[in-house]
Amino acid sequence: MTAGTAALPEPVTLKGHTGWVAGVAFAPDGKTVATASADGSVKFWDAATGKLQATLDAHDDIVSAVTYSKDGTHFATASFDGTAKLWTADRKPVHTLRAGRGAVLTVAFNPNNKALATAGIDGVVRVWDFDTKQEPRGRFLRRHGSWANAITYRPDGTGLASVGSDNEVWFNPLPGRLMIVRPSAAEVRSVAYAPNGQWLATGTRYGVTKVWDNDGDEVATLKGKGGDVWAVGFSPDGTLLAVTDGDWDKPSDIVLFDTKTWKERGRLKHTNEVLCLTWHPTKPVLAAGAWDKTAKVWDVTELVKGK
């Protein structure tokens, strides 16, 4: 255990998928965890006990992502079948969105609950605006030079960040302003905003995570073992940044960094390579899915208390 870190409790383990877990999301009330899998399904679990609540056969191919709207009325899925789907919270289908040529890798709701964005292997970021007539293939927003791997909205909903295998980070530091930064590290795999919109974290192919401010200046560089940083995420109070750290098909760590000092505060041990992570919307609880077909949920309250 690294100096200055705290011992962490054992996680709740979610088992039942027959394919790797590519996406994970808490419902806005924090009571349910949804997991998206290569087996084509989305499973819904009790976040506290790990008990399986329901299974949805969502797509005919790998389900690469799942996310909830902020108001909790809907969730969305993305798939290698070239579509994204919009569902009601009680798992009824609403729309199938033809969201790209090839696999759709990522999907995100605008926090204003009025739009949904998608991106994928064709490099195109698309937006569907719910309060206007839908374009058949969504509204074109931008195109990366290679795969668009991850997207996230600013917490206030005024802009969208996207990252790609073209080693580019596109984001809107202010309404109407677009900034592009190039980390000069590798393909960019993951992206997350701090809750106050002050920072943007990006994870790369070779174990480097960079944190940027709204001027496009580098705030911190965090180095891991050298494997893909498939996921990054800020805690709901913004005091911790979680970063995946592992290698192909081997046990991964999730490293928790203190956002005041950018020093390591603790490590969560998974049983295999972590592919996705998410925080509870209001509590210091984190869920992560992995290549070994499982997801785990940790309560890091004691770590936060010890700050």
Protein backbone atom coordinates (compact mmCIF):
# COMPACT_ATOMS: atom_id res chain seq x y z
CA MET A 1 0.00 0.00 0.00
CA THR A 2 1.41 3.37 -1.03
CA ALA A 3 2.21 5.87 1.71
CA GLY A 4 -0.72 8.18 2.33
CA THR A 5 -3.30 5.69 1.02
CA ALA A 6 -5.95 3.80 2.97
CA ALA A 7 -6.99 0.15 3.08
CA LEU A 8 -10.14 -0.42 1.04
CA PRO A 9 -13.02 -2.86 1.60
CA GLU A 10 -13.68 -5.86 -0.60
CA PRO A 11 -15.91 -5.12 -3.58
CA VAL A 12 -19.29 -6.53 -4.49
CA THR A 13 -18.76 -8.73 -7.57
CA LEU A 14 -21.33 -8.89 -10.37
CA LYS A 15 -21.23 -12.22 -12.24
CA GLY A 16 -23.49 -13.47 -15.01
CA HIS A 17 -22.35 -12.15 -18.37
CA THR A 18 -20.93 -14.59 -20.93
CA GLY A 19 -18.86 -11.89 -22.66
CA TRP A 20 -16.52 -9.15 -21.50
CA VAL A 21 -18.06 -6.13 -19.78
CA ALA A 22 -17.61 -3.11 -22.03
CA GLY A 23 -19.77 -0.53 -20.27
CA VAL A 24 -21.11 0.26 -16.82
CA ALA A 25 -23.48 2.95 -15.52
CA PHE A 26 -25.32 3.85 -12.33
CA ALA A 27 -28.94 4.89 -12.52
CA PRO A 28 -29.32 8.50 -11.30
CA ASP A 29 -30.79 7.33 -7.99
CA GLY A 30 -27.69 5.19 -7.44
CA LYS A 31 -29.68 2.07 -6.60
CA THR A 32 -29.08 0.18 -9.85
CA VAL A 33 -25.93 -0.59 -11.83
CA ALA A 34 -26.28 -1.44 -15.52
CA THR A 35 -23.56 -3.44 -17.30
CA ALA A 36 -23.16 -3.76 -21.08
CA SER A 37 -21.45 -6.82 -22.48
CA ALA A 38 -19.96 -8.50 -25.52
CA ASP A 39 -22.70 -11.12 -25.09
CA GLY A 40 -25.20 -8.60 -26.55
CA SER A 41 -27.02 -8.00 -23.28
CA VAL A 42 -27.39 -5.34 -20.63
CA LYS A 43 -27.84 -6.56 -17.08
CA PHE A 44 -29.27 -4.57 -14.20
CA TRP A 45 -28.03 -5.17 -10.65
CA ASP A 46 -28.82 -3.97 -7.17
CA ALA A 47 -25.87 -1.69 -6.48
CA ALA A 48 -25.70 -2.52 -2.77
CA THR A 49 -26.10 -6.29 -2.84
CA GLY A 50 -25.04 -7.26 -6.36
CA LYS A 51 -28.30 -9.15 -6.91
CA LEU A 52 -29.32 -9.43 -10.57
CA GLN A 53 -32.57 -7.56 -11.22
CA ALA A 54 -33.10 -8.06 -14.97
CA THR A 55 -31.40 -8.95 -18.27
CA LEU A 56 -32.12 -7.12 -21.52
CA ASP A 57 -31.17 -8.67 -24.87
CA ALA A 58 -30.31 -5.25 -26.26
CA HIS A 59 -28.39 -5.87 -29.50
CA ASP A 60 -27.38 -8.62 -31.92
CA ASP A 61 -23.69 -7.82 -31.40
CA ILE A 62 -21.34 -6.51 -28.71
CA VAL A 63 -22.91 -3.82 -26.52
CA SER A 64 -20.05 -1.36 -26.18
CA ALA A 65 -21.61 1.24 -23.88
CA VAL A 66 -24.57 2.03 -21.65
CA THR A 67 -25.56 5.34 -20.05
CA TYR A 68 -28.52 6.92 -18.26
CA SER A 69 -30.14 10.29 -18.84
CA LYS A 70 -29.67 12.66 -15.91
CA ASP A 71 -33.39 12.68 -15.12
CA GLY A 72 -33.46 8.88 -15.02
CA THR A 73 -36.31 8.50 -17.50
CA HIS A 74 -34.21 6.81 -20.19
CA PHE A 75 -31.01 4.94 -20.85
CA ALA A 76 -29.07 4.39 -24.08
CA THR A 77 -26.87 1.65 -25.48
CA ALA A 78 -24.25 1.53 -28.24
CA SER A 79 -23.24 -1.53 -30.22
CA PHE A 80 -20.87 -3.04 -32.73
CA ASP A 81 -23.98 -3.63 -34.88
CA GLY A 82 -23.74 0.01 -36.03
CA THR A 83 -26.62 1.31 -33.94
CA ALA A 84 -27.38 3.08 -30.71
CA LYS A 85 -30.70 2.49 -28.98
CA LEU A 86 -32.79 4.65 -26.71
CA TRP A 87 -34.84 2.89 -24.01
CA THR A 88 -37.24 3.93 -21.28
CA ALA A 89 -36.06 3.35 -17.73
CA ASP A 90 -38.29 0.26 -17.54
CA ARG A 91 -36.44 -1.21 -20.54
CA LYS A 92 -38.92 -0.48 -23.33
CA PRO A 93 -37.41 0.39 -26.75
CA VAL A 94 -37.96 3.97 -27.99
CA HIS A 95 -35.62 4.57 -30.97
CA THR A 96 -32.97 2.70 -32.92
CA LEU A 97 -30.40 5.20 -34.20
CA ARG A 98 -28.30 4.31 -37.24
CA ALA A 99 -25.31 5.90 -35.66
CA GLY A 100 -22.39 5.14 -37.94
CA ARG A 101 -20.53 3.00 -40.45
CA GLY A 102 -19.16 0.18 -38.33
CA ALA A 103 -19.18 -0.20 -34.58
CA VAL A 104 -20.63 2.51 -32.37
CA LEU A 105 -18.25 2.70 -29.43
CA THR A 106 -19.69 5.35 -27.16
CA VAL A 107 -22.88 7.19 -26.30
CA ALA A 108 -23.66 10.13 -23.98
CA PHE A 109 -26.73 12.06 -22.89
CA ASN A 110 -26.59 15.83 -22.69
CA PRO A 111 -27.25 16.72 -19.01
CA ASN A 112 -30.12 18.93 -20.23
CA ASN A 113 -31.93 15.66 -21.19
CA LYS A 114 -32.63 17.09 -24.68
CA ALA A 115 -29.95 15.37 -26.77
CA LEU A 116 -27.94 12.18 -27.21
CA ALA A 117 -24.49 11.95 -28.81
CA THR A 118 -22.78 8.93 -30.37
CA ALA A 119 -19.39 8.16 -31.89
CA GLY A 120 -17.47 5.18 -33.18
CA ILE A 121 -15.13 3.54 -35.63
CA ASP A 122 -16.05 5.87 -38.51
CA GLY A 123 -14.67 8.79 -36.47
CA VAL A 124 -17.90 10.79 -36.67
CA VAL A 125 -19.54 12.36 -33.64
CA ARG A 126 -23.31 12.68 -34.13
CA VAL A 127 -26.01 14.33 -32.04
CA TRP A 128 -29.72 13.57 -31.92
CA ASP A 129 -31.79 16.50 -30.61
CA PHE A 130 -34.97 15.22 -28.98
CA ASP A 131 -36.94 18.48 -29.23
CA THR A 132 -36.52 18.85 -33.01
CA LYS A 133 -37.26 16.66 -36.03
CA GLN A 134 -34.75 13.84 -36.10
CA GLU A 135 -32.25 13.59 -38.93
CA PRO A 136 -32.07 10.00 -40.24
CA ARG A 137 -28.41 9.71 -39.21
CA GLY A 138 -28.30 12.40 -36.56
CA ARG A 139 -26.74 15.85 -36.73
CA PHE A 140 -23.09 15.79 -37.82
CA LEU A 141 -20.95 17.47 -35.15
CA ARG A 142 -17.32 16.62 -35.99
CA ARG A 143 -15.09 13.95 -37.49
CA HIS A 144 -11.91 12.51 -36.02
CA GLY A 145 -9.18 11.25 -38.33
CA SER A 146 -9.53 7.76 -36.89
CA TRP A 147 -11.76 5.94 -34.40
CA ALA A 148 -13.69 8.21 -32.03
CA ASN A 149 -13.25 6.22 -28.84
CA ALA A 150 -15.05 8.21 -26.15
CA ILE A 151 -17.27 11.25 -25.66
CA THR A 152 -18.61 13.20 -22.69
CA TYR A 153 -20.66 16.34 -22.22
CA ARG A 154 -19.63 19.26 -20.07
CA PRO A 155 -21.49 19.02 -16.75
CA ASP A 156 -23.56 22.09 -17.68
CA GLY A 157 -24.43 20.60 -21.09
CA THR A 158 -22.92 23.48 -23.08
CA GLY A 159 -20.28 21.48 -24.92
CA LEU A 160 -19.03 18.02 -25.82
CA ALA A 161 -15.56 16.50 -25.54
CA SER A 162 -14.45 13.69 -27.84
CA VAL A 163 -11.20 11.73 -28.14
CA GLY A 164 -9.87 9.47 -30.83
CA SER A 165 -7.20 7.16 -32.13
CA ASP A 166 -5.95 10.16 -34.14
CA ASN A 167 -4.32 11.41 -30.89
CA GLU A 168 -6.70 14.37 -30.70
CA VAL A 169 -8.89 15.77 -27.93
CA TRP A 170 -11.73 18.01 -29.10
CA PHE A 171 -13.70 19.98 -26.50
CA ASN A 172 -15.71 23.13 -25.88
CA PRO A 173 -14.16 25.12 -23.00
CA LEU A 174 -16.84 27.78 -23.47
CA PRO A 175 -20.12 27.83 -25.43
CA GLY A 176 -19.33 28.34 -29.11
CA ARG A 177 -15.60 27.80 -28.67
CA LEU A 178 -13.85 24.66 -29.96
CA MET A 179 -10.39 23.61 -28.82
CA ILE A 180 -8.22 20.75 -30.13
CA VAL A 181 -5.22 19.46 -28.21
CA ARG A 182 -2.83 16.69 -29.21
CA PRO A 183 -1.28 14.87 -26.23
CA SER A 184 1.70 13.61 -28.30
CA ALA A 185 1.41 10.33 -26.42
CA ALA A 186 -0.69 7.79 -28.31
CA GLU A 187 -4.24 6.96 -29.30
CA VAL A 188 -6.62 8.55 -26.79
CA ARG A 189 -8.95 5.94 -25.30
CA SER A 190 -11.03 7.69 -22.63
CA VAL A 191 -12.28 11.06 -21.44
CA ALA A 192 -14.09 12.55 -18.42
CA TYR A 193 -14.98 16.00 -17.12
CA ALA A 194 -14.57 17.07 -13.51
CA PRO A 195 -17.98 17.79 -11.93
CA ASN A 196 -17.38 21.55 -11.98
CA GLY A 197 -16.17 21.52 -15.59
CA GLN A 198 -12.76 22.86 -14.55
CA TRP A 199 -10.71 19.93 -15.86
CA LEU A 200 -10.83 17.34 -18.60
CA ALA A 201 -9.03 14.01 -18.08
CA THR A 202 -7.92 11.85 -21.01
CA GLY A 203 -6.43 8.35 -20.96
CA THR A 204 -4.16 7.00 -23.70
CA ARG A 205 -3.06 3.72 -25.18
CA TYR A 206 0.28 3.49 -23.36
CA GLY A 207 -0.65 4.12 -19.77
CA VAL A 208 -0.53 7.93 -19.69
CA THR A 209 -3.40 10.04 -18.38
CA LYS A 210 -3.37 13.79 -18.91
CA VAL A 211 -5.52 16.42 -17.24
CA TRP A 212 -6.29 19.65 -19.12
CA ASP A 213 -7.78 22.97 -18.12
CA ASN A 214 -10.17 25.06 -20.20
CA ASP A 215 -7.29 26.90 -21.85
CA GLY A 216 -5.97 23.61 -23.21
CA ASP A 217 -3.01 23.71 -20.81
CA GLU A 218 -1.78 20.53 -19.21
CA VAL A 219 -2.54 20.38 -15.48
CA ALA A 220 -1.11 16.94 -14.71
CA THR A 221 0.46 13.89 -16.35
CA LEU A 222 -0.18 10.59 -14.57
CA LYS A 223 1.79 7.53 -15.63
CA GLY A 224 0.74 3.92 -15.19
CA LYS A 225 2.06 0.51 -16.17
CA GLY A 226 1.91 1.21 -19.89
CA GLY A 227 -1.32 -0.55 -20.83
CA ASP A 228 -4.44 1.01 -22.26
CA VAL A 229 -6.20 3.53 -20.05
CA TRP A 230 -9.65 2.37 -21.10
CA ALA A 231 -11.49 4.54 -18.60
CA VAL A 232 -11.11 7.60 -16.40
CA GLY A 233 -13.62 9.26 -14.09
CA PHE A 234 -13.88 11.96 -11.42
CA SER A 235 -15.67 11.25 -8.14
CA PRO A 236 -18.94 13.15 -7.64
CA ASP A 237 -17.29 15.67 -5.31
CA GLY A 238 -14.31 16.08 -7.65
CA THR A 239 -11.69 15.14 -5.05
CA LEU A 240 -10.59 11.89 -6.74
CA LEU A 241 -9.74 10.86 -10.28
CA ALA A 242 -10.03 7.14 -11.03
CA VAL A 243 -7.75 5.77 -13.77
CA THR A 244 -7.51 2.23 -15.11
CA ASP A 245 -4.01 0.78 -15.00
CA GLY A 246 -3.31 -2.66 -16.40
CA ASP A 247 -2.25 -4.85 -19.28
CA TRP A 248 -3.99 -7.10 -21.78
CA ASP A 249 -5.94 -9.92 -20.08
CA LYS A 250 -4.14 -9.45 -16.75
CA PRO A 251 -5.41 -8.21 -13.38
CA SER A 252 -5.81 -4.43 -13.40
CA ASP A 253 -5.62 -1.74 -10.78
CA ILE A 254 -7.86 1.28 -10.65
CA VAL A 255 -5.67 4.06 -9.31
CA LEU A 256 -7.31 6.84 -7.32
CA PHE A 257 -5.52 10.19 -7.53
CA ASP A 258 -6.07 13.14 -5.21
CA THR A 259 -7.05 16.08 -7.44
CA LYS A 260 -5.43 18.64 -5.11
CA THR A 261 -1.97 17.09 -5.33
CA TRP A 262 -2.35 14.56 -8.19
CA LYS A 263 -0.72 12.02 -5.89
CA GLU A 264 -1.96 8.46 -5.56
CA ARG A 265 -4.47 7.92 -2.75
CA GLY A 266 -5.35 4.26 -3.22
CA ARG A 267 -5.67 1.31 -5.57
CA LEU A 268 -8.64 -0.92 -6.27
CA LYS A 269 -7.71 -4.44 -7.37
CA HIS A 270 -9.73 -6.09 -10.13
CA THR A 271 -9.34 -9.71 -11.23
CA ASN A 272 -8.72 -8.86 -14.89
CA GLU A 273 -8.15 -6.01 -17.34
CA VAL A 274 -10.59 -3.17 -16.57
CA LEU A 275 -12.39 -1.83 -19.64
CA CYS A 276 -14.87 0.63 -18.12
CA LEU A 277 -15.64 2.46 -14.88
CA THR A 278 -18.17 4.87 -13.45
CA TRP A 279 -18.90 6.65 -10.17
CA HIS A 280 -22.14 6.67 -8.20
CA PRO A 281 -23.89 10.01 -8.92
CA THR A 282 -23.68 11.27 -5.31
CA LYS A 283 -21.59 8.86 -3.21
CA PRO A 284 -17.93 7.72 -3.17
CA VAL A 285 -18.85 4.39 -4.75
CA LEU A 286 -17.22 3.17 -7.96
CA ALA A 287 -18.11 0.36 -10.39
CA ALA A 288 -15.85 -1.17 -13.04
CA GLY A 289 -16.25 -3.88 -15.68
CA ALA A 290 -13.53 -6.15 -17.02
CA TRP A 291 -12.39 -8.58 -19.67
CA ASP A 292 -13.15 -11.56 -17.41
CA LYS A 293 -16.93 -10.98 -17.79
CA THR A 294 -17.35 -9.52 -14.29
CA ALA A 295 -17.95 -6.10 -12.80
CA LYS A 296 -17.10 -4.95 -9.29
CA VAL A 297 -18.50 -2.24 -7.04
CA TRP A 298 -16.35 -0.60 -4.34
CA ASP A 299 -17.37 1.77 -1.55
CA VAL A 300 -14.41 4.10 -0.95
CA THR A 301 -16.05 6.21 1.76
CA GLU A 302 -13.25 5.55 4.21
CA LEU A 303 -10.67 6.71 1.69
CA VAL A 304 -12.55 9.97 1.19
CA LYS A 305 -12.87 10.46 4.97
CA GLY A 306 -9.12 10.09 5.32
CA LYS A 307 -8.29 12.90 2.90
